[in-house]
Protein backbone atom coordinates (compact mmCIF):
# COMPACT_ATOMS: atom_id res chain seq x y z
CA MET A 1 15.35 37.68 -28.96
CA THR A 2 16.61 37.24 -25.41
CA LEU A 3 17.17 33.66 -24.36
CA THR A 4 17.21 32.12 -20.95
CA GLY A 5 20.55 30.39 -20.91
CA THR A 6 22.58 32.85 -22.97
CA PRO A 7 26.19 33.40 -21.87
CA GLY A 8 26.50 35.13 -18.53
CA THR A 9 23.40 33.55 -17.03
CA GLU A 10 23.36 30.84 -14.41
CA ALA A 11 23.84 27.28 -15.60
CA PRO A 12 20.81 24.97 -15.61
CA THR A 13 20.48 22.60 -12.70
CA THR A 14 17.86 20.17 -14.00
CA ALA A 15 17.10 18.23 -17.17
CA ALA A 16 13.82 20.11 -17.52
CA GLU A 17 15.57 23.47 -17.44
CA LEU A 18 18.13 22.39 -20.03
CA LEU A 19 15.41 21.05 -22.30
CA ALA A 20 13.44 24.30 -21.99
CA ARG A 21 16.54 26.29 -22.98
CA ALA A 22 17.16 24.02 -25.97
CA LYS A 23 13.57 24.46 -27.14
CA ALA A 24 13.87 28.23 -26.75
CA LEU A 25 17.07 28.25 -28.79
CA ALA A 26 15.61 26.18 -31.66
CA PRO A 27 13.85 29.08 -33.47
CA VAL A 28 17.03 31.16 -33.22
CA LEU A 29 19.00 28.34 -34.82
CA ARG A 30 16.34 27.95 -37.52
CA ALA A 31 16.57 31.66 -38.33
CA ARG A 32 20.36 31.42 -38.62
CA ALA A 33 20.49 28.12 -40.50
CA ASP A 34 21.54 29.74 -43.79
CA GLU A 35 24.36 31.61 -42.07
CA ILE A 36 25.52 28.46 -40.29
CA GLU A 37 25.50 26.51 -43.52
CA GLN A 38 27.39 29.14 -45.49
CA ALA A 39 30.03 29.46 -42.79
CA ARG A 40 30.60 25.67 -42.92
CA ARG A 41 31.10 25.76 -39.16
CA LEU A 42 29.24 27.12 -36.18
CA PRO A 43 29.72 30.88 -35.68
CA ALA A 44 31.41 31.64 -32.36
CA ASP A 45 28.32 33.24 -30.86
CA VAL A 46 26.21 30.19 -31.79
CA VAL A 47 28.69 28.00 -29.92
CA GLU A 48 28.22 30.24 -26.91
CA LEU A 49 24.43 30.04 -27.24
CA LEU A 50 24.75 26.26 -27.17
CA ARG A 51 27.05 26.49 -24.17
CA GLY A 52 24.49 28.74 -22.49
CA THR A 53 21.81 26.06 -22.77
CA GLY A 54 24.00 23.74 -20.72
CA ILE A 55 24.25 20.98 -23.32
CA PHE A 56 28.01 20.63 -22.99
CA ARG A 57 27.68 19.82 -19.28
CA MET A 58 24.85 17.30 -19.60
CA CYS A 59 27.09 14.18 -19.48
CA PHE A 60 29.41 15.26 -16.66
CA ASN A 61 28.80 13.75 -13.25
CA ARG A 62 26.95 15.90 -10.73
CA GLU A 63 29.93 16.06 -8.40
CA TRP A 64 31.81 17.76 -11.23
CA GLY A 65 29.09 20.38 -11.64
CA GLY A 66 27.47 18.52 -14.50
CA LEU A 67 23.87 17.46 -14.95
CA GLU A 68 24.43 13.71 -15.45
CA LEU A 69 21.36 13.42 -17.65
CA THR A 70 19.97 10.03 -18.54
CA SER A 71 20.36 8.87 -22.13
CA LEU A 72 16.67 9.60 -22.65
CA GLU A 73 17.00 13.15 -21.34
CA GLN A 74 20.08 13.77 -23.45
CA THR A 75 18.29 12.60 -26.58
CA GLU A 76 15.35 14.90 -25.89
CA VAL A 77 17.72 17.87 -25.69
CA VAL A 78 19.41 16.90 -28.96
CA GLU A 79 16.02 16.52 -30.65
CA ALA A 80 15.02 19.99 -29.52
CA LEU A 81 18.17 21.57 -30.95
CA ALA A 82 17.91 19.60 -34.21
CA TYR A 83 14.39 20.93 -34.62
CA GLY A 84 16.14 24.25 -35.17
CA ASP A 85 19.32 23.23 -37.00
CA ALA A 86 20.90 19.81 -37.54
CA SER A 87 24.51 21.03 -37.68
CA ALA A 88 24.20 22.84 -34.36
CA ALA A 89 22.64 19.77 -32.73
CA TRP A 90 25.31 17.51 -34.25
CA CYS A 91 28.10 19.63 -32.77
CA GLY A 92 26.18 19.89 -29.52
CA VAL A 93 25.90 16.17 -28.93
CA ILE A 94 29.52 15.54 -29.94
CA GLY A 95 30.81 18.25 -27.62
CA ALA A 96 28.62 16.97 -24.80
CA ASN A 97 30.41 13.61 -24.92
CA THR A 98 33.34 15.24 -23.10
CA GLY A 99 31.69 14.24 -19.83
CA ILE A 100 31.53 10.63 -20.98
CA TYR A 101 35.19 10.54 -22.02
CA SER A 102 36.15 11.90 -18.59
CA ASN A 103 34.98 8.63 -17.02
CA PHE A 104 37.74 6.74 -18.82
CA LEU A 105 40.58 9.07 -17.78
CA ASP A 106 42.41 9.19 -14.47
CA GLN A 107 40.06 11.37 -12.44
CA ALA A 108 42.68 13.76 -11.04
CA VAL A 109 44.06 14.30 -14.53
CA ALA A 110 40.59 14.70 -16.02
CA LYS A 111 39.73 17.43 -13.52
CA GLU A 112 42.85 19.31 -14.54
CA MET A 113 41.96 18.90 -18.21
CA PHE A 114 38.33 19.91 -17.73
CA PRO A 115 38.23 22.55 -14.98
CA ARG A 116 34.72 23.51 -16.15
CA PRO A 117 31.92 21.07 -17.01
CA ASP A 118 31.05 22.90 -20.22
CA MET A 119 34.30 22.29 -22.09
CA ILE A 120 34.18 20.74 -25.56
CA THR A 121 35.98 17.75 -27.05
CA ALA A 122 35.93 16.85 -30.74
CA GLY A 123 37.77 14.34 -32.92
CA LEU A 124 37.61 10.91 -34.53
CA LEU A 125 37.71 7.85 -32.28
CA GLN A 126 38.52 5.43 -35.09
CA PRO A 127 42.26 4.54 -34.91
CA SER A 128 43.62 6.40 -37.92
CA GLY A 129 46.92 7.66 -36.52
CA ARG A 130 50.23 6.29 -35.27
CA ALA A 131 51.48 6.62 -31.70
CA GLU A 132 55.07 5.68 -30.92
CA ARG A 133 55.78 4.77 -27.31
CA VAL A 134 58.39 7.02 -25.67
CA PRO A 135 59.32 7.61 -22.02
CA GLY A 136 56.31 9.05 -20.20
CA GLY A 137 53.88 8.75 -23.09
CA PHE A 138 53.65 8.74 -26.87
CA ARG A 139 54.58 10.72 -29.97
CA LEU A 140 51.37 11.03 -31.97
CA SER A 141 51.09 11.69 -35.70
CA GLY A 142 48.36 11.20 -38.27
CA ARG A 143 45.45 12.55 -40.23
CA TRP A 144 41.85 12.04 -39.18
CA SER A 145 38.56 12.79 -40.92
CA PHE A 146 35.22 14.09 -39.68
CA GLY A 147 36.40 16.32 -36.83
CA SER A 148 32.93 17.75 -36.21
CA GLY A 149 33.21 20.91 -34.11
CA ILE A 150 37.00 20.93 -34.14
CA GLY A 151 36.99 24.64 -34.90
CA HIS A 152 35.55 25.52 -31.49
CA CYS A 153 36.67 22.69 -29.19
CA ASP A 154 39.09 22.70 -26.24
CA TRP A 155 40.46 19.16 -26.62
CA VAL A 156 40.76 16.74 -29.52
CA THR A 157 40.46 12.99 -28.96
CA SER A 158 41.89 10.77 -31.70
CA GLY A 159 42.26 7.04 -32.10
CA ALA A 160 45.66 5.66 -33.06
CA PHE A 161 47.52 2.38 -33.21
CA VAL A 162 50.43 2.02 -30.80
CA TYR A 163 53.99 1.20 -31.88
CA GLN A 164 57.14 0.58 -29.90
CA ASP A 165 60.55 0.84 -31.56
CA GLY A 166 58.73 1.01 -34.88
CA GLU A 167 56.90 -2.29 -34.37
CA PRO A 168 53.21 -2.90 -33.59
CA TYR A 169 52.72 -2.91 -29.83
CA ALA A 170 50.78 -5.87 -28.43
CA SER A 171 48.71 -5.52 -25.27
CA PRO A 172 50.66 -6.98 -22.32
CA ASP A 173 47.75 -9.28 -21.43
CA GLY A 174 47.75 -10.73 -24.93
CA SER A 175 44.22 -9.53 -25.66
CA ASN A 176 45.22 -7.42 -28.65
CA PRO A 177 48.09 -8.12 -31.05
CA HIS A 178 48.15 -4.43 -32.04
CA GLU A 179 46.88 -2.11 -29.37
CA SER A 180 44.99 1.07 -30.15
CA ARG A 181 44.14 3.88 -27.74
CA GLN A 182 42.50 7.29 -27.59
CA PHE A 183 44.77 10.30 -27.32
CA MET A 184 43.73 13.66 -25.87
CA VAL A 185 45.53 16.63 -27.39
CA PRO A 186 44.94 20.34 -26.75
CA ARG A 187 43.24 22.01 -29.69
CA ALA A 188 46.27 24.28 -30.24
CA GLU A 189 48.36 21.21 -31.16
CA VAL A 190 45.99 20.24 -33.98
CA VAL A 191 45.93 21.58 -37.55
CA PRO A 192 42.47 21.59 -39.21
CA ILE A 193 42.26 21.11 -42.99
CA ASP A 194 39.62 23.25 -44.67
CA ASN A 195 38.01 20.52 -46.75
CA TRP A 196 34.44 20.35 -45.39
CA HIS A 197 32.45 20.93 -48.61
CA THR A 198 29.50 18.56 -48.40
CA THR A 199 25.91 17.87 -49.37
CA GLY A 200 24.51 18.28 -45.86
CA LEU A 201 25.44 19.04 -42.25
CA CYS A 202 27.41 21.81 -43.90
CA GLY A 203 27.63 23.90 -40.75
CA SER A 204 29.16 21.19 -38.57
CA GLY A 205 32.73 21.99 -39.63
CA SER A 206 33.52 18.27 -39.78
CA CYS A 207 36.82 18.75 -41.56
CA ASP A 208 39.96 16.63 -41.59
CA TYR A 209 42.76 17.48 -39.18
CA THR A 210 46.37 16.49 -38.59
CA VAL A 211 48.65 15.99 -35.61
CA THR A 212 52.39 15.87 -36.24
CA ASP A 213 54.83 14.38 -33.74
CA VAL A 214 53.00 15.73 -30.69
CA PHE A 215 53.96 14.36 -27.29
CA VAL A 216 50.94 12.97 -25.44
CA PRO A 217 51.49 12.06 -21.78
CA GLU A 218 50.39 8.55 -20.83
CA GLU A 219 47.77 10.00 -18.50
CA HIS A 220 46.13 11.85 -21.41
CA THR A 221 45.31 8.57 -23.12
CA TYR A 222 42.48 6.15 -22.46
CA THR A 223 40.64 3.07 -23.66
CA PHE A 224 36.96 2.28 -23.34
CA SER A 225 37.82 -0.98 -21.61
CA THR A 226 38.91 0.70 -18.38
CA VAL A 227 36.67 2.96 -16.31
CA HIS A 228 38.41 5.32 -13.89
CA GLY A 229 35.40 7.39 -12.92
CA ARG A 230 32.42 6.49 -10.80
CA PRO A 231 30.68 3.40 -12.23
CA GLY A 232 27.28 4.12 -13.69
CA PRO A 233 25.12 4.18 -16.81
CA LEU A 234 27.28 6.82 -18.53
CA ALA A 235 30.57 5.09 -17.73
CA GLN A 236 29.92 2.56 -20.49
CA PRO A 237 31.70 1.99 -23.82
CA ASP A 238 28.56 2.69 -25.86
CA ALA A 239 27.46 5.81 -23.96
CA PHE A 240 28.87 8.30 -26.46
CA THR A 241 26.75 6.87 -29.30
CA ARG A 242 23.33 6.78 -27.66
CA SER A 243 21.91 10.28 -28.08
CA MET A 244 23.19 10.99 -31.59
CA CYS A 245 19.92 9.64 -32.99
CA GLY A 246 18.22 12.70 -31.51
CA VAL A 247 19.53 14.67 -34.50
CA PRO A 248 17.60 12.78 -37.22
CA LEU A 249 14.56 12.48 -34.96
CA GLY A 250 14.52 16.24 -34.40
CA VAL A 251 14.83 16.93 -38.13
CA ALA A 252 12.05 14.46 -38.96
CA ARG A 253 9.75 16.15 -36.41
CA ALA A 254 10.53 19.55 -37.88
CA ALA A 255 9.79 18.31 -41.41
CA LEU A 256 6.52 16.71 -40.30
CA ASP A 257 5.34 19.89 -38.58
CA HIS A 258 6.31 21.95 -41.62
CA ALA A 259 4.40 19.66 -43.99
CA ARG A 260 1.32 19.67 -41.78
CA GLU A 261 1.34 23.45 -41.52
CA THR A 262 1.73 23.70 -45.29
CA ALA A 263 -1.22 21.35 -45.84
CA LEU A 264 -3.49 23.71 -43.91
CA THR A 265 -3.07 26.52 -46.46
CA ARG A 266 -2.55 24.82 -49.83
CA VAL A 267 -5.12 24.13 -52.54
CA ASP A 268 -4.55 21.75 -55.46
CA ARG A 269 -4.37 24.04 -58.50
CA MET A 270 -5.65 21.35 -60.86
CA THR A 271 -8.72 20.26 -58.90
CA GLY A 272 -9.36 23.08 -56.45
CA THR A 273 -9.28 20.56 -53.59
CA ALA A 274 -7.85 21.78 -50.32
CA TRP A 275 -4.78 19.82 -49.33
CA SER A 276 -6.40 19.11 -45.99
CA ASP A 277 -9.06 17.15 -47.93
CA SER A 278 -6.60 15.44 -50.28
CA PHE A 279 -6.36 11.64 -49.94
CA ARG A 280 -2.74 11.75 -51.12
CA VAL A 281 -1.76 14.31 -48.50
CA GLN A 282 -3.69 12.64 -45.70
CA VAL A 283 -2.23 9.19 -46.35
CA THR A 284 1.34 10.42 -46.73
CA LEU A 285 1.24 12.45 -43.54
CA ALA A 286 -0.36 9.60 -41.61
CA GLU A 287 2.21 7.08 -42.86
CA CYS A 288 5.08 9.38 -41.93
CA GLU A 289 3.63 10.07 -38.50
CA ALA A 290 3.21 6.34 -37.91
CA ASP A 291 6.80 5.65 -38.88
CA TYR A 292 8.06 8.53 -36.75
CA ASN A 293 6.09 7.43 -33.68
CA ALA A 294 7.14 3.80 -33.97
CA THR A 295 10.78 4.71 -34.54
CA ARG A 296 10.98 7.21 -31.71
CA ASN A 297 9.24 4.84 -29.32
CA GLY A 298 11.72 2.14 -30.28
CA VAL A 299 14.61 4.44 -29.42
CA TYR A 300 13.22 5.52 -26.07
CA GLY A 301 11.96 2.06 -25.16
CA SER A 302 15.35 0.43 -25.64
CA MET A 303 17.10 3.30 -23.84
CA ARG A 304 14.71 3.10 -20.93
CA ARG A 305 15.29 -0.61 -20.41
CA GLN A 306 19.06 -0.24 -20.71
CA TRP A 307 19.10 2.63 -18.20
CA GLU A 308 16.93 0.71 -15.72
CA VAL A 309 19.42 -2.16 -15.64
CA LEU A 310 22.53 0.04 -15.44
CA ALA A 311 21.09 2.46 -12.88
CA ALA A 312 20.23 -0.49 -10.64
CA GLY A 313 23.90 -1.47 -10.57
CA GLY A 314 23.75 -4.03 -13.35
CA THR A 315 25.91 -4.29 -16.43
CA LEU A 316 25.18 -4.53 -20.11
CA ASP A 317 25.67 -8.27 -19.75
CA ASP A 318 22.56 -8.34 -17.56
CA LEU A 319 20.42 -7.39 -20.54
CA THR A 320 18.96 -10.19 -22.62
CA PRO A 321 20.52 -10.51 -26.08
CA ASP A 322 17.37 -9.00 -27.59
CA GLU A 323 17.45 -6.06 -25.17
CA ARG A 324 21.13 -5.39 -25.77
CA ALA A 325 20.83 -5.51 -29.55
CA ALA A 326 17.70 -3.33 -29.48
CA SER A 327 19.63 -0.14 -28.72
CA PRO A 328 22.01 0.02 -31.72
CA LEU A 329 19.23 -1.25 -33.98
CA ALA A 330 16.94 1.54 -32.75
CA TRP A 331 19.62 4.19 -33.32
CA LEU A 332 20.24 3.01 -36.86
CA HIS A 333 16.51 2.79 -37.57
CA ALA A 334 16.07 6.37 -36.33
CA PHE A 335 18.59 7.65 -38.87
CA ARG A 336 17.25 5.68 -41.80
CA THR A 337 13.56 6.17 -41.05
CA SER A 338 14.02 9.89 -40.52
CA ARG A 339 15.68 10.13 -43.91
CA SER A 340 12.77 8.19 -45.43
CA ILE A 341 10.24 10.50 -43.78
CA VAL A 342 11.97 13.60 -45.07
CA ASN A 343 12.20 12.09 -48.56
CA ARG A 344 8.48 11.34 -48.67
CA LEU A 345 7.54 14.78 -47.36
CA TYR A 346 9.89 16.38 -49.88
CA ASP A 347 7.98 14.55 -52.64
CA LEU A 348 4.66 15.44 -51.05
CA LEU A 349 5.39 19.16 -51.19
CA GLN A 350 6.71 18.80 -54.75
CA THR A 351 8.17 22.00 -56.23
CA TRP A 352 7.71 23.84 -52.94
CA SER A 353 10.59 21.71 -51.65
CA ILE A 354 13.25 22.39 -54.25
CA SER A 355 14.18 25.99 -53.52
CA ARG A 356 17.18 26.70 -51.31
CA THR A 357 14.83 28.95 -49.33
CA SER A 358 12.74 25.91 -48.38
CA PRO A 359 13.74 24.14 -45.16
CA MET A 360 12.85 20.86 -46.89
CA ASP A 361 15.90 21.29 -49.10
CA ARG A 362 18.23 21.48 -46.13
CA TRP A 363 16.49 18.70 -44.22
CA LEU A 364 16.79 16.41 -47.25
CA ARG A 365 20.50 17.11 -47.56
CA ASP A 366 21.16 16.92 -43.84
CA THR A 367 19.44 13.56 -43.34
CA THR A 368 21.13 12.15 -46.44
CA THR A 369 24.54 13.17 -45.14
CA MET A 370 24.07 12.05 -41.54
CA CYS A 371 23.02 8.60 -42.75
CA GLN A 372 26.54 8.14 -44.08
CA HIS A 373 27.86 8.14 -40.52
CA LEU A 374 29.02 4.78 -39.20
CA ILE A 375 26.16 4.66 -36.70
CA ALA A 376 23.69 4.45 -39.60
CA GLN A 377 25.60 1.93 -41.68
CA ASP A 378 25.22 -1.81 -42.25
CA ARG A 379 28.10 -2.50 -39.87
CA ILE A 380 25.67 -1.75 -37.04
CA LEU A 381 23.23 -4.29 -38.46
CA GLN A 382 26.01 -6.83 -38.82
CA SER A 383 27.15 -6.26 -35.24
CA ALA A 384 23.67 -6.63 -33.76
CA GLY A 385 22.89 -9.62 -35.95
CA ALA A 386 26.19 -11.32 -35.13
CA TYR A 387 25.60 -10.77 -31.42
CA LEU A 388 22.14 -12.33 -31.63
CA VAL A 389 23.47 -15.52 -33.22
CA GLY A 390 26.75 -15.78 -31.32
CA GLY A 391 28.95 -14.45 -34.11
CA ARG A 392 31.63 -11.76 -34.03
CA PRO A 393 30.37 -8.17 -34.18
CA GLU A 394 32.52 -5.95 -36.42
CA PHE A 395 31.68 -2.84 -34.38
CA GLY A 396 31.25 -4.29 -30.93
CA ILE A 397 31.41 -0.94 -29.14
CA SER A 398 27.89 -0.22 -30.41
CA LEU A 399 26.85 -3.04 -28.09
CA GLY A 400 29.18 -1.93 -25.34
CA ILE A 401 31.69 -4.64 -26.23
CA VAL A 402 35.35 -3.55 -26.29
């Protein structure tokens, strides 16, 4: 199959073109899902197919040659890829966040680091390492988990706590008794650990990795509290989390379409009733469609309102508390409801689901695994709930609070 957007072709210039390429790539990814899963990482040519769609440039600003897609447009692209394969979509959205990170780096430095708007960054933002202050920068060491896509990235961003002379370093303004930052390291300075043996998202290559006493220049570090790029809706602390929910939504849509297609050809062997006339089948499909529609509309509705305010020059503080909390709640609900939909459809199809040759098997495992990500955990609920009642969110960045 020849794809528009394969390597060597011209990069897309609009959101519609990128989305069309992602939809065209989906059946190719579906056909190669077994191979991707067995490899436990994306094959090199699959990475290049993703690059050819333009997904890795979708968050870069237009003046950098990027597409600067809205959060809604980004999520649509991720959904389209996840319809084909969840691991490929997962790595796609994570790599695409490079354009978002660039907003928080010194712009001259960022342009040197990312000479092309389709470069890929991977890594764990949670501060799990140690960075000792030295003249001109830091010496970084540590071990991080869940480095999705680290096998094919250009840069690795890792969170670490800062030390000076062996002691915890406090922010000069007194805002943080032990400062943490993000550290950008070239992929060649990072050692992956081949330990990604999981239930689902097997092809994402989300293994652990280590960095040992690597010098990181000050200008290759950043925090989400300081924007150096052009202000805008994507230069926000929560921007890198928004479109991840496109992965479970895309999988849920794929599972729904598969179940509906199956229902058109099956006959109950005990009663001779066509599945299309079965009350059980009809009710289950309708319930799942209702949940999918409500969940997806919640995601896009909250994104749309957030984007309207930010694109008009406002800030996240200009949203009402309900509007601001709606976004992380919608993301979490997308993960959990998609898993529920896949579970119910798995049961609906019964023994036709259990074979490794059935896509339902992979979708069940993929949605179960992705729901273990922080963005689908109770800490998001706590943070949104705390914000609504004036408490302290544990994971404030999900609300754009640093």
